[in-house]
mmCIF file of all heavy atoms, coordinates in Angstrom:
data_MODEL
# 
_entry.id   MODEL 
# 
loop_
_atom_site.group_PDB 
_atom_site.id 
_atom_site.type_symbol 
_atom_site.label_atom_id 
_atom_site.label_alt_id 
_atom_site.label_comp_id 
_atom_site.label_asym_id 
_atom_site.label_entity_id 
_atom_site.label_seq_id 
_atom_site.pdbx_PDB_ins_code 
_atom_site.Cartn_x 
_atom_site.Cartn_y 
_atom_site.Cartn_z 
_atom_site.occupancy 
_atom_site.B_iso_or_equiv 
_atom_site.pdbx_formal_charge 
_atom_site.auth_seq_id 
_atom_site.auth_comp_id 
_atom_site.auth_asym_id 
_atom_site.auth_atom_id 
_atom_site.pdbx_PDB_model_num 
ATOM 1   N N   . GLU A 1 1  ? 11.291  -4.667 -15.823 1.00 0.00 ? 1  GLU A N   1 
ATOM 2   C CA  . GLU A 1 1  ? 9.940   -4.415 -15.325 1.00 0.00 ? 1  GLU A CA  1 
ATOM 3   C C   . GLU A 1 1  ? 9.843   -3.018 -14.732 1.00 0.00 ? 1  GLU A C   1 
ATOM 4   O O   . GLU A 1 1  ? 10.731  -2.560 -14.029 1.00 0.00 ? 1  GLU A O   1 
ATOM 5   C CB  . GLU A 1 1  ? 9.593   -5.463 -14.271 1.00 0.00 ? 1  GLU A CB  1 
ATOM 6   C CG  . GLU A 1 1  ? 8.147   -5.433 -13.811 1.00 0.00 ? 1  GLU A CG  1 
ATOM 7   C CD  . GLU A 1 1  ? 7.876   -6.559 -12.831 1.00 0.00 ? 1  GLU A CD  1 
ATOM 8   O OE1 . GLU A 1 1  ? 8.482   -6.556 -11.743 1.00 0.00 ? 1  GLU A OE1 1 
ATOM 9   O OE2 . GLU A 1 1  ? 7.066   -7.441 -13.151 1.00 0.00 ? 1  GLU A OE2 1 
ATOM 10  N N   . THR A 1 2  ? 8.724   -2.345 -15.046 1.00 0.00 ? 2  THR A N   1 
ATOM 11  C CA  . THR A 1 2  ? 8.390   -1.068 -14.436 1.00 0.00 ? 2  THR A CA  1 
ATOM 12  C C   . THR A 1 2  ? 7.162   -1.275 -13.558 1.00 0.00 ? 2  THR A C   1 
ATOM 13  O O   . THR A 1 2  ? 6.182   -1.887 -13.993 1.00 0.00 ? 2  THR A O   1 
ATOM 14  C CB  . THR A 1 2  ? 8.082   -0.008 -15.507 1.00 0.00 ? 2  THR A CB  1 
ATOM 15  O OG1 . THR A 1 2  ? 9.240   0.182  -16.318 1.00 0.00 ? 2  THR A OG1 1 
ATOM 16  C CG2 . THR A 1 2  ? 7.701   1.317  -14.865 1.00 0.00 ? 2  THR A CG2 1 
ATOM 17  N N   . VAL A 1 3  ? 7.237   -0.786 -12.321 1.00 0.00 ? 3  VAL A N   1 
ATOM 18  C CA  . VAL A 1 3  ? 6.156   -0.978 -11.366 1.00 0.00 ? 3  VAL A CA  1 
ATOM 19  C C   . VAL A 1 3  ? 5.601   0.377  -10.961 1.00 0.00 ? 3  VAL A C   1 
ATOM 20  O O   . VAL A 1 3  ? 6.347   1.282  -10.576 1.00 0.00 ? 3  VAL A O   1 
ATOM 21  C CB  . VAL A 1 3  ? 6.639   -1.748 -10.112 1.00 0.00 ? 3  VAL A CB  1 
ATOM 22  C CG1 . VAL A 1 3  ? 5.490   -1.924 -9.131  1.00 0.00 ? 3  VAL A CG1 1 
ATOM 23  C CG2 . VAL A 1 3  ? 7.208   -3.104 -10.512 1.00 0.00 ? 3  VAL A CG2 1 
ATOM 24  N N   . LEU A 1 4  ? 4.274   0.515  -11.064 1.00 0.00 ? 4  LEU A N   1 
ATOM 25  C CA  . LEU A 1 4  ? 3.581   1.732  -10.636 1.00 0.00 ? 4  LEU A CA  1 
ATOM 26  C C   . LEU A 1 4  ? 2.699   1.379  -9.444  1.00 0.00 ? 4  LEU A C   1 
ATOM 27  O O   . LEU A 1 4  ? 1.790   0.562  -9.568  1.00 0.00 ? 4  LEU A O   1 
ATOM 28  C CB  . LEU A 1 4  ? 2.726   2.299  -11.774 1.00 0.00 ? 4  LEU A CB  1 
ATOM 29  C CG  . LEU A 1 4  ? 3.458   2.709  -13.056 1.00 0.00 ? 4  LEU A CG  1 
ATOM 30  C CD1 . LEU A 1 4  ? 2.460   3.210  -14.086 1.00 0.00 ? 4  LEU A CD1 1 
ATOM 31  C CD2 . LEU A 1 4  ? 4.497   3.774  -12.765 1.00 0.00 ? 4  LEU A CD2 1 
ATOM 32  N N   . SER A 1 5  ? 2.982   1.995  -8.296  1.00 0.00 ? 5  SER A N   1 
ATOM 33  C CA  . SER A 1 5  ? 2.158   1.757  -7.118  1.00 0.00 ? 5  SER A CA  1 
ATOM 34  C C   . SER A 1 5  ? 0.859   2.541  -7.214  1.00 0.00 ? 5  SER A C   1 
ATOM 35  O O   . SER A 1 5  ? 0.713   3.449  -8.048  1.00 0.00 ? 5  SER A O   1 
ATOM 36  C CB  . SER A 1 5  ? 2.917   2.158  -5.853  1.00 0.00 ? 5  SER A CB  1 
ATOM 37  O OG  . SER A 1 5  ? 3.144   3.566  -5.838  1.00 0.00 ? 5  SER A OG  1 
ATOM 38  N N   . ASN A 1 6  ? -0.084  2.223  -6.336  1.00 0.00 ? 6  ASN A N   1 
ATOM 39  C CA  . ASN A 1 6  ? -1.366  2.920  -6.349  1.00 0.00 ? 6  ASN A CA  1 
ATOM 40  C C   . ASN A 1 6  ? -1.197  4.401  -6.063  1.00 0.00 ? 6  ASN A C   1 
ATOM 41  O O   . ASN A 1 6  ? -1.909  5.237  -6.637  1.00 0.00 ? 6  ASN A O   1 
ATOM 42  C CB  . ASN A 1 6  ? -2.312  2.282  -5.334  1.00 0.00 ? 6  ASN A CB  1 
ATOM 43  C CG  . ASN A 1 6  ? -3.685  2.910  -5.352  1.00 0.00 ? 6  ASN A CG  1 
ATOM 44  O OD1 . ASN A 1 6  ? -3.979  3.802  -4.570  1.00 0.00 ? 6  ASN A OD1 1 
ATOM 45  N ND2 . ASN A 1 6  ? -4.542  2.444  -6.253  1.00 0.00 ? 6  ASN A ND2 1 
ATOM 46  N N   . ASP A 1 7  ? -0.254  4.761  -5.186  1.00 0.00 ? 7  ASP A N   1 
ATOM 47  C CA  . ASP A 1 7  ? -0.013  6.172  -4.890  1.00 0.00 ? 7  ASP A CA  1 
ATOM 48  C C   . ASP A 1 7  ? 0.441   6.933  -6.133  1.00 0.00 ? 7  ASP A C   1 
ATOM 49  O O   . ASP A 1 7  ? 0.025   8.076  -6.370  1.00 0.00 ? 7  ASP A O   1 
ATOM 50  C CB  . ASP A 1 7  ? 1.042   6.304  -3.785  1.00 0.00 ? 7  ASP A CB  1 
ATOM 51  C CG  . ASP A 1 7  ? 0.553   5.768  -2.456  1.00 0.00 ? 7  ASP A CG  1 
ATOM 52  O OD1 . ASP A 1 7  ? -0.685  5.695  -2.277  1.00 0.00 ? 7  ASP A OD1 1 
ATOM 53  O OD2 . ASP A 1 7  ? 1.388   5.402  -1.615  1.00 0.00 ? 7  ASP A OD2 1 
ATOM 54  N N   . VAL A 1 8  ? 1.295   6.304  -6.928  1.00 0.00 ? 8  VAL A N   1 
ATOM 55  C CA  . VAL A 1 8  ? 1.764   6.939  -8.159  1.00 0.00 ? 8  VAL A CA  1 
ATOM 56  C C   . VAL A 1 8  ? 0.627   7.071  -9.160  1.00 0.00 ? 8  VAL A C   1 
ATOM 57  O O   . VAL A 1 8  ? 0.453   8.106  -9.809  1.00 0.00 ? 8  VAL A O   1 
ATOM 58  C CB  . VAL A 1 8  ? 2.933   6.135  -8.758  1.00 0.00 ? 8  VAL A CB  1 
ATOM 59  C CG1 . VAL A 1 8  ? 3.322   6.678  -10.134 1.00 0.00 ? 8  VAL A CG1 1 
ATOM 60  C CG2 . VAL A 1 8  ? 4.130   6.158  -7.825  1.00 0.00 ? 8  VAL A CG2 1 
ATOM 61  N N   . ILE A 1 9  ? -0.184  6.019  -9.285  1.00 0.00 ? 9  ILE A N   1 
ATOM 62  C CA  . ILE A 1 9  ? -1.298  6.043  -10.236 1.00 0.00 ? 9  ILE A CA  1 
ATOM 63  C C   . ILE A 1 9  ? -2.283  7.160  -9.894  1.00 0.00 ? 9  ILE A C   1 
ATOM 64  O O   . ILE A 1 9  ? -2.767  7.886  -10.775 1.00 0.00 ? 9  ILE A O   1 
ATOM 65  C CB  . ILE A 1 9  ? -2.009  4.678  -10.254 1.00 0.00 ? 9  ILE A CB  1 
ATOM 66  C CG1 . ILE A 1 9  ? -1.058  3.600  -10.777 1.00 0.00 ? 9  ILE A CG1 1 
ATOM 67  C CG2 . ILE A 1 9  ? -3.270  4.721  -11.097 1.00 0.00 ? 9  ILE A CG2 1 
ATOM 68  C CD1 . ILE A 1 9  ? -1.593  2.193  -10.635 1.00 0.00 ? 9  ILE A CD1 1 
ATOM 69  N N   . GLU A 1 10 ? -2.578  7.321  -8.599  1.00 0.00 ? 10 GLU A N   1 
ATOM 70  C CA  . GLU A 1 10 ? -3.526  8.360  -8.185  1.00 0.00 ? 10 GLU A CA  1 
ATOM 71  C C   . GLU A 1 10 ? -2.987  9.765  -8.409  1.00 0.00 ? 10 GLU A C   1 
ATOM 72  O O   . GLU A 1 10 ? -3.758  10.701 -8.605  1.00 0.00 ? 10 GLU A O   1 
ATOM 73  C CB  . GLU A 1 10 ? -3.881  8.172  -6.717  1.00 0.00 ? 10 GLU A CB  1 
ATOM 74  C CG  . GLU A 1 10 ? -4.741  6.944  -6.432  1.00 0.00 ? 10 GLU A CG  1 
ATOM 75  C CD  . GLU A 1 10 ? -5.112  6.824  -4.981  1.00 0.00 ? 10 GLU A CD  1 
ATOM 76  O OE1 . GLU A 1 10 ? -4.520  7.569  -4.157  1.00 0.00 ? 10 GLU A OE1 1 
ATOM 77  O OE2 . GLU A 1 10 ? -5.988  6.002  -4.647  1.00 0.00 ? 10 GLU A OE2 1 
ATOM 78  N N   . SER A 1 11 ? -1.666  9.927  -8.387  1.00 0.00 ? 11 SER A N   1 
ATOM 79  C CA  . SER A 1 11 ? -1.085  11.263 -8.537  1.00 0.00 ? 11 SER A CA  1 
ATOM 80  C C   . SER A 1 11 ? -0.826  11.644 -9.985  1.00 0.00 ? 11 SER A C   1 
ATOM 81  O O   . SER A 1 11 ? -0.576  12.821 -10.277 1.00 0.00 ? 11 SER A O   1 
ATOM 82  C CB  . SER A 1 11 ? 0.230   11.350 -7.747  1.00 0.00 ? 11 SER A CB  1 
ATOM 83  O OG  . SER A 1 11 ? 1.194   10.439 -8.253  1.00 0.00 ? 11 SER A OG  1 
ATOM 84  N N   . LEU A 1 12 ? -0.887  10.674 -10.917 1.00 0.00 ? 12 LEU A N   1 
ATOM 85  C CA  . LEU A 1 12 ? -0.613  10.979 -12.317 1.00 0.00 ? 12 LEU A CA  1 
ATOM 86  C C   . LEU A 1 12 ? -1.746  11.804 -12.920 1.00 0.00 ? 12 LEU A C   1 
ATOM 87  O O   . LEU A 1 12 ? -2.921  11.475 -12.741 1.00 0.00 ? 12 LEU A O   1 
ATOM 88  C CB  . LEU A 1 12 ? -0.446  9.689  -13.119 1.00 0.00 ? 12 LEU A CB  1 
ATOM 89  C CG  . LEU A 1 12 ? 0.808   8.870  -12.864 1.00 0.00 ? 12 LEU A CG  1 
ATOM 90  C CD1 . LEU A 1 12 ? 0.754   7.551  -13.641 1.00 0.00 ? 12 LEU A CD1 1 
ATOM 91  C CD2 . LEU A 1 12 ? 2.052   9.651  -13.258 1.00 0.00 ? 12 LEU A CD2 1 
ATOM 92  N N   . PRO A 1 13 ? -1.422  12.877 -13.645 1.00 0.00 ? 13 PRO A N   1 
ATOM 93  C CA  . PRO A 1 13 ? -2.459  13.704 -14.278 1.00 0.00 ? 13 PRO A CA  1 
ATOM 94  C C   . PRO A 1 13 ? -2.929  13.115 -15.597 1.00 0.00 ? 13 PRO A C   1 
ATOM 95  O O   . PRO A 1 13 ? -2.790  13.719 -16.664 1.00 0.00 ? 13 PRO A O   1 
ATOM 96  C CB  . PRO A 1 13 ? -1.746  15.045 -14.473 1.00 0.00 ? 13 PRO A CB  1 
ATOM 97  C CG  . PRO A 1 13 ? -0.313  14.660 -14.687 1.00 0.00 ? 13 PRO A CG  1 
ATOM 98  C CD  . PRO A 1 13 ? -0.074  13.436 -13.835 1.00 0.00 ? 13 PRO A CD  1 
ATOM 99  N N   . VAL A 1 14 ? -3.473  11.879 -15.546 1.00 0.00 ? 14 VAL A N   1 
ATOM 100 C CA  . VAL A 1 14 ? -3.936  11.192 -16.750 1.00 0.00 ? 14 VAL A CA  1 
ATOM 101 C C   . VAL A 1 14 ? -5.323  10.628 -16.484 1.00 0.00 ? 14 VAL A C   1 
ATOM 102 O O   . VAL A 1 14 ? -5.800  10.596 -15.344 1.00 0.00 ? 14 VAL A O   1 
ATOM 103 C CB  . VAL A 1 14 ? -2.976  10.055 -17.164 1.00 0.00 ? 14 VAL A CB  1 
ATOM 104 C CG1 . VAL A 1 14 ? -1.614  10.603 -17.527 1.00 0.00 ? 14 VAL A CG1 1 
ATOM 105 C CG2 . VAL A 1 14 ? -2.854  9.018  -16.044 1.00 0.00 ? 14 VAL A CG2 1 
ATOM 106 N N   . THR A 1 15 ? -5.972  10.169 -17.542 1.00 0.00 ? 15 THR A N   1 
ATOM 107 C CA  . THR A 1 15 ? -7.278  9.541  -17.398 1.00 0.00 ? 15 THR A CA  1 
ATOM 108 C C   . THR A 1 15 ? -7.144  8.224  -16.649 1.00 0.00 ? 15 THR A C   1 
ATOM 109 O O   . THR A 1 15 ? -6.079  7.594  -16.652 1.00 0.00 ? 15 THR A O   1 
ATOM 110 C CB  . THR A 1 15 ? -7.916  9.278  -18.767 1.00 0.00 ? 15 THR A CB  1 
ATOM 111 O OG1 . THR A 1 15 ? -7.044  8.419  -19.520 1.00 0.00 ? 15 THR A OG1 1 
ATOM 112 C CG2 . THR A 1 15 ? -8.111  10.569 -19.531 1.00 0.00 ? 15 THR A CG2 1 
ATOM 113 N N   . ARG A 1 16 ? -8.211  7.793  -16.025 1.00 0.00 ? 16 ARG A N   1 
ATOM 114 C CA  . ARG A 1 16 ? -8.189  6.551  -15.241 1.00 0.00 ? 16 ARG A CA  1 
ATOM 115 C C   . ARG A 1 16 ? -8.436  5.356  -16.166 1.00 0.00 ? 16 ARG A C   1 
ATOM 116 O O   . ARG A 1 16 ? -9.377  4.588  -16.009 1.00 0.00 ? 16 ARG A O   1 
ATOM 117 C CB  . ARG A 1 16 ? -9.248  6.625  -14.149 1.00 0.00 ? 16 ARG A CB  1 
ATOM 118 C CG  . ARG A 1 16 ? -8.880  7.598  -13.037 1.00 0.00 ? 16 ARG A CG  1 
ATOM 119 C CD  . ARG A 1 16 ? -10.104 8.094  -12.301 1.00 0.00 ? 16 ARG A CD  1 
ATOM 120 N NE  . ARG A 1 16 ? -10.898 7.058  -11.697 1.00 0.00 ? 16 ARG A NE  1 
ATOM 121 C CZ  . ARG A 1 16 ? -10.733 6.587  -10.456 1.00 0.00 ? 16 ARG A CZ  1 
ATOM 122 N NH1 . ARG A 1 16 ? -9.760  7.058  -9.709  1.00 0.00 ? 16 ARG A NH1 1 
ATOM 123 N NH2 . ARG A 1 16 ? -11.529 5.671  -9.970  1.00 0.00 ? 16 ARG A NH2 1 
ATOM 124 N N   . SER A 1 17 ? -7.563  5.193  -17.145 1.00 0.00 ? 17 SER A N   1 
ATOM 125 C CA  . SER A 1 17 ? -7.640  4.074  -18.083 1.00 0.00 ? 17 SER A CA  1 
ATOM 126 C C   . SER A 1 17 ? -6.241  3.522  -18.272 1.00 0.00 ? 17 SER A C   1 
ATOM 127 O O   . SER A 1 17 ? -5.240  4.199  -18.029 1.00 0.00 ? 17 SER A O   1 
ATOM 128 C CB  . SER A 1 17 ? -8.205  4.524  -19.437 1.00 0.00 ? 17 SER A CB  1 
ATOM 129 O OG  . SER A 1 17 ? -7.322  5.438  -20.061 1.00 0.00 ? 17 SER A OG  1 
ATOM 130 N N   . TYR A 1 18 ? -6.166  2.266  -18.721 1.00 0.00 ? 18 TYR A N   1 
ATOM 131 C CA  . TYR A 1 18 ? -4.844  1.664  -18.867 1.00 0.00 ? 18 TYR A CA  1 
ATOM 132 C C   . TYR A 1 18 ? -4.050  2.316  -19.979 1.00 0.00 ? 18 TYR A C   1 
ATOM 133 O O   . TYR A 1 18 ? -2.820  2.370  -19.938 1.00 0.00 ? 18 TYR A O   1 
ATOM 134 C CB  . TYR A 1 18 ? -4.974  0.156  -19.080 1.00 0.00 ? 18 TYR A CB  1 
ATOM 135 C CG  . TYR A 1 18 ? -5.321  -0.266 -20.482 1.00 0.00 ? 18 TYR A CG  1 
ATOM 136 C CD1 . TYR A 1 18 ? -4.335  -0.642 -21.376 1.00 0.00 ? 18 TYR A CD1 1 
ATOM 137 C CD2 . TYR A 1 18 ? -6.648  -0.305 -20.908 1.00 0.00 ? 18 TYR A CD2 1 
ATOM 138 C CE1 . TYR A 1 18 ? -4.648  -1.041 -22.657 1.00 0.00 ? 18 TYR A CE1 1 
ATOM 139 C CE2 . TYR A 1 18 ? -6.974  -0.706 -22.179 1.00 0.00 ? 18 TYR A CE2 1 
ATOM 140 C CZ  . TYR A 1 18 ? -5.974  -1.072 -23.058 1.00 0.00 ? 18 TYR A CZ  1 
ATOM 141 O OH  . TYR A 1 18 ? -6.287  -1.462 -24.325 1.00 0.00 ? 18 TYR A OH  1 
ATOM 142 N N   . THR A 1 19 ? -4.726  2.849  -21.002 1.00 0.00 ? 19 THR A N   1 
ATOM 143 C CA  . THR A 1 19 ? -3.995  3.540  -22.056 1.00 0.00 ? 19 THR A CA  1 
ATOM 144 C C   . THR A 1 19 ? -3.372  4.831  -21.538 1.00 0.00 ? 19 THR A C   1 
ATOM 145 O O   . THR A 1 19 ? -2.297  5.235  -21.975 1.00 0.00 ? 19 THR A O   1 
ATOM 146 C CB  . THR A 1 19 ? -4.932  3.844  -23.241 1.00 0.00 ? 19 THR A CB  1 
ATOM 147 O OG1 . THR A 1 19 ? -6.135  4.459  -22.757 1.00 0.00 ? 19 THR A OG1 1 
ATOM 148 C CG2 . THR A 1 19 ? -5.293  2.573  -23.969 1.00 0.00 ? 19 THR A CG2 1 
ATOM 149 N N   . GLY A 1 20 ? -4.049  5.504  -20.605 1.00 0.00 ? 20 GLY A N   1 
ATOM 150 C CA  . GLY A 1 20 ? -3.464  6.692  -20.004 1.00 0.00 ? 20 GLY A CA  1 
ATOM 151 C C   . GLY A 1 20 ? -2.247  6.367  -19.162 1.00 0.00 ? 20 GLY A C   1 
ATOM 152 O O   . GLY A 1 20 ? -1.266  7.114  -19.136 1.00 0.00 ? 20 GLY A O   1 
ATOM 153 N N   . ILE A 1 21 ? -2.291  5.223  -18.463 1.00 0.00 ? 21 ILE A N   1 
ATOM 154 C CA  . ILE A 1 21 ? -1.147  4.796  -17.654 1.00 0.00 ? 21 ILE A CA  1 
ATOM 155 C C   . ILE A 1 21 ? 0.045   4.477  -18.543 1.00 0.00 ? 21 ILE A C   1 
ATOM 156 O O   . ILE A 1 21 ? 1.201   4.792  -18.215 1.00 0.00 ? 21 ILE A O   1 
ATOM 157 C CB  . ILE A 1 21 ? -1.526  3.576  -16.803 1.00 0.00 ? 21 ILE A CB  1 
ATOM 158 C CG1 . ILE A 1 21 ? -2.661  3.929  -15.830 1.00 0.00 ? 21 ILE A CG1 1 
ATOM 159 C CG2 . ILE A 1 21 ? -0.318  3.044  -16.055 1.00 0.00 ? 21 ILE A CG2 1 
ATOM 160 C CD1 . ILE A 1 21 ? -2.300  4.984  -14.813 1.00 0.00 ? 21 ILE A CD1 1 
ATOM 161 N N   . MET A 1 22 ? -0.201  3.864  -19.688 1.00 0.00 ? 22 MET A N   1 
ATOM 162 C CA  . MET A 1 22 ? 0.895   3.455  -20.563 1.00 0.00 ? 22 MET A CA  1 
ATOM 163 C C   . MET A 1 22 ? 1.740   4.620  -21.048 1.00 0.00 ? 22 MET A C   1 
ATOM 164 O O   . MET A 1 22 ? 2.942   4.464  -21.292 1.00 0.00 ? 22 MET A O   1 
ATOM 165 C CB  . MET A 1 22 ? 0.336   2.701  -21.773 1.00 0.00 ? 22 MET A CB  1 
ATOM 166 C CG  . MET A 1 22 ? -0.151  1.323  -21.475 1.00 0.00 ? 22 MET A CG  1 
ATOM 167 S SD  . MET A 1 22 ? -0.780  0.551  -22.973 1.00 0.00 ? 22 MET A SD  1 
ATOM 168 C CE  . MET A 1 22 ? -1.451  -0.955 -22.294 1.00 0.00 ? 22 MET A CE  1 
ATOM 169 N N   . THR A 1 23 ? 1.142   5.788  -21.207 1.00 0.00 ? 23 THR A N   1 
ATOM 170 C CA  . THR A 1 23 ? 1.890   6.927  -21.720 1.00 0.00 ? 23 THR A CA  1 
ATOM 171 C C   . THR A 1 23 ? 2.976   7.378  -20.754 1.00 0.00 ? 23 THR A C   1 
ATOM 172 O O   . THR A 1 23 ? 3.832   8.185  -21.132 1.00 0.00 ? 23 THR A O   1 
ATOM 173 C CB  . THR A 1 23 ? 0.941   8.102  -21.996 1.00 0.00 ? 23 THR A CB  1 
ATOM 174 O OG1 . THR A 1 23 ? 0.257   8.469  -20.780 1.00 0.00 ? 23 THR A OG1 1 
ATOM 175 C CG2 . THR A 1 23 ? -0.104  7.726  -23.033 1.00 0.00 ? 23 THR A CG2 1 
ATOM 176 N N   . ASN A 1 24 ? 2.976   6.882  -19.516 1.00 0.00 ? 24 ASN A N   1 
ATOM 177 C CA  . ASN A 1 24 ? 3.983   7.268  -18.527 1.00 0.00 ? 24 ASN A CA  1 
ATOM 178 C C   . ASN A 1 24 ? 5.081   6.225  -18.363 1.00 0.00 ? 24 ASN A C   1 
ATOM 179 O O   . ASN A 1 24 ? 5.908   6.350  -17.463 1.00 0.00 ? 24 ASN A O   1 
ATOM 180 C CB  . ASN A 1 24 ? 3.300   7.497  -17.175 1.00 0.00 ? 24 ASN A CB  1 
ATOM 181 C CG  . ASN A 1 24 ? 2.352   8.669  -17.191 1.00 0.00 ? 24 ASN A CG  1 
ATOM 182 O OD1 . ASN A 1 24 ? 2.738   9.795  -16.950 1.00 0.00 ? 24 ASN A OD1 1 
ATOM 183 N ND2 . ASN A 1 24 ? 1.090   8.393  -17.488 1.00 0.00 ? 24 ASN A ND2 1 
ATOM 184 N N   . ILE A 1 25 ? 5.089   5.206  -19.213 1.00 0.00 ? 25 ILE A N   1 
ATOM 185 C CA  . ILE A 1 25 ? 6.080   4.142  -19.110 1.00 0.00 ? 25 ILE A CA  1 
ATOM 186 C C   . ILE A 1 25 ? 6.988   4.199  -20.330 1.00 0.00 ? 25 ILE A C   1 
ATOM 187 O O   . ILE A 1 25 ? 6.517   4.140  -21.467 1.00 0.00 ? 25 ILE A O   1 
ATOM 188 C CB  . ILE A 1 25 ? 5.403   2.773  -19.000 1.00 0.00 ? 25 ILE A CB  1 
ATOM 189 C CG1 . ILE A 1 25 ? 4.509   2.730  -17.759 1.00 0.00 ? 25 ILE A CG1 1 
ATOM 190 C CG2 . ILE A 1 25 ? 6.432   1.654  -18.954 1.00 0.00 ? 25 ILE A CG2 1 
ATOM 191 C CD1 . ILE A 1 25 ? 3.674   1.491  -17.650 1.00 0.00 ? 25 ILE A CD1 1 
ATOM 192 N N   . ALA A 1 26 ? 8.278   4.346  -20.075 1.00 0.00 ? 26 ALA A N   1 
ATOM 193 C CA  . ALA A 1 26 ? 9.245   4.440  -21.161 1.00 0.00 ? 26 ALA A CA  1 
ATOM 194 C C   . ALA A 1 26 ? 9.205   3.202  -22.040 1.00 0.00 ? 26 ALA A C   1 
ATOM 195 O O   . ALA A 1 26 ? 9.081   2.084  -21.543 1.00 0.00 ? 26 ALA A O   1 
ATOM 196 C CB  . ALA A 1 26 ? 10.649  4.637  -20.586 1.00 0.00 ? 26 ALA A CB  1 
ATOM 197 N N   . SER A 1 27 ? 9.297   3.412  -23.344 1.00 0.00 ? 27 SER A N   1 
ATOM 198 C CA  . SER A 1 27 ? 9.350   2.390  -24.394 1.00 0.00 ? 27 SER A CA  1 
ATOM 199 C C   . SER A 1 27 ? 7.995   1.789  -24.709 1.00 0.00 ? 27 SER A C   1 
ATOM 200 O O   . SER A 1 27 ? 7.861   1.036  -25.669 1.00 0.00 ? 27 SER A O   1 
ATOM 201 C CB  . SER A 1 27 ? 10.325  1.260  -24.055 1.00 0.00 ? 27 SER A CB  1 
ATOM 202 O OG  . SER A 1 27 ? 9.766   0.324  -23.155 1.00 0.00 ? 27 SER A OG  1 
ATOM 203 N N   . LEU A 1 28 ? 6.945   2.109  -23.918 1.00 0.00 ? 28 LEU A N   1 
ATOM 204 C CA  . LEU A 1 28 ? 5.622   1.522  -24.152 1.00 0.00 ? 28 LEU A CA  1 
ATOM 205 C C   . LEU A 1 28 ? 4.758   2.504  -24.938 1.00 0.00 ? 28 LEU A C   1 
ATOM 206 O O   . LEU A 1 28 ? 4.721   3.696  -24.619 1.00 0.00 ? 28 LEU A O   1 
ATOM 207 C CB  . LEU A 1 28 ? 4.957   1.180  -22.824 1.00 0.00 ? 28 LEU A CB  1 
ATOM 208 C CG  . LEU A 1 28 ? 3.987   -0.011 -22.824 1.00 0.00 ? 28 LEU A CG  1 
ATOM 209 C CD1 . LEU A 1 28 ? 4.729   -1.278 -23.189 1.00 0.00 ? 28 LEU A CD1 1 
ATOM 210 C CD2 . LEU A 1 28 ? 3.335   -0.154 -21.468 1.00 0.00 ? 28 LEU A CD2 1 
ATOM 211 N N   . MET A 1 29 ? 4.059   2.010  -25.946 1.00 0.00 ? 29 MET A N   1 
ATOM 212 C CA  . MET A 1 29 ? 3.275   2.881  -26.803 1.00 0.00 ? 29 MET A CA  1 
ATOM 213 C C   . MET A 1 29 ? 1.889   2.288  -27.062 1.00 0.00 ? 29 MET A C   1 
ATOM 214 O O   . MET A 1 29 ? 1.764   1.254  -27.704 1.00 0.00 ? 29 MET A O   1 
ATOM 215 C CB  . MET A 1 29 ? 3.987   3.084  -28.145 1.00 0.00 ? 29 MET A CB  1 
ATOM 216 C CG  . MET A 1 29 ? 3.191   3.926  -29.135 1.00 0.00 ? 29 MET A CG  1 
ATOM 217 S SD  . MET A 1 29 ? 2.889   5.625  -28.550 1.00 0.00 ? 29 MET A SD  1 
ATOM 218 C CE  . MET A 1 29 ? 4.560   6.249  -28.591 1.00 0.00 ? 29 MET A CE  1 
# 
């Protein structure tokens, strides 16, 4: 399991969508 906290999500330079979050998780496409 990979866990992303709210602080990490807010700091990521990606769109605020679940597909944008997925690009930062290893092995997930």
